[in-house]
Amino acid sequence: MRKPGVFILIGFVSSILWAQTTPGVHPVTGRQYAGTMGVAGAPWLVREERAAEEHPDQALDELKIAKGSTVADVGAGVGYMSWRLAARVGPNGKVYANDIQPGMLELLQKNMEERHITNVMPILGEPDDPKLPPGQMDLVLLVDVYHEFHQPRKMLRHIRESLKADGRMVLLEYRAEDPTVPIQPLHKMTVEQVKSEIEPEGFRLDKVIETLPRQHIIIFKRKPS
């Protein structure tokens, strides 16, 4: 049973942690862009309840990531998904952990050192470019981050350029279709919103997986050039 006041608490926390807001709406759907989580929000990313709320390992199981893969964690924050990806790809694989905030990447690097992980490469990106090497990614993962992009069309074009011909881009987004998911509406998306915004940028929707408690797993592949 959900604890009393959880909706109020999450709304209050969100108003503080996502304070960096740039006004703007998506030109296709009219969706308002959410604020970008600041470094003050780092503890939220590793909160004890996150595993039970989001099932991150189950999400990665669904993706069937091969050993030796080259993957990117865009909007990696402190590396919560990056260290899980590092274990999946193994020592012969590589994880590019992208964020636009140096403070987040400093915390990420510390987390990798504490876990003795050596196959994660921090990448300082820009709001319109994740700075990933072109044509090398087997998988680009965006966990609860796409809705925060303030220049999503430019970001998507760069992500597409980073993918191998058979590479995948995967979004995890809180389900806006479900009013019981206790996240502010700005930080939730419908599958239709995601599809409408991303397919015009050179992607095709491949699969939607609905096995997680609160999030969509939405998988895209590159359209041929």
Foldseek 3Di string as FASTA:
>chain_A
DDDPPPLVVQVVVQCPQQVQDDFDAAPFPRATFTGDGDLVCLCVVVPPCCCVQWVLVVLVVVVQDAALFEEEEAQCQLNPVPVVVLVRNDPNYAYEYFDQDPSRVVNNVVVCVVVVRDRYHYFHADLLARPADFQRHQEYEYELPLSNRPNNLSHLLNVQRRHHQFHKYKYKAFDPVDPVQSHPNSSGDHPVVVQRRRVVSFKHWDDWDDPTPTIIITMIGGHDD
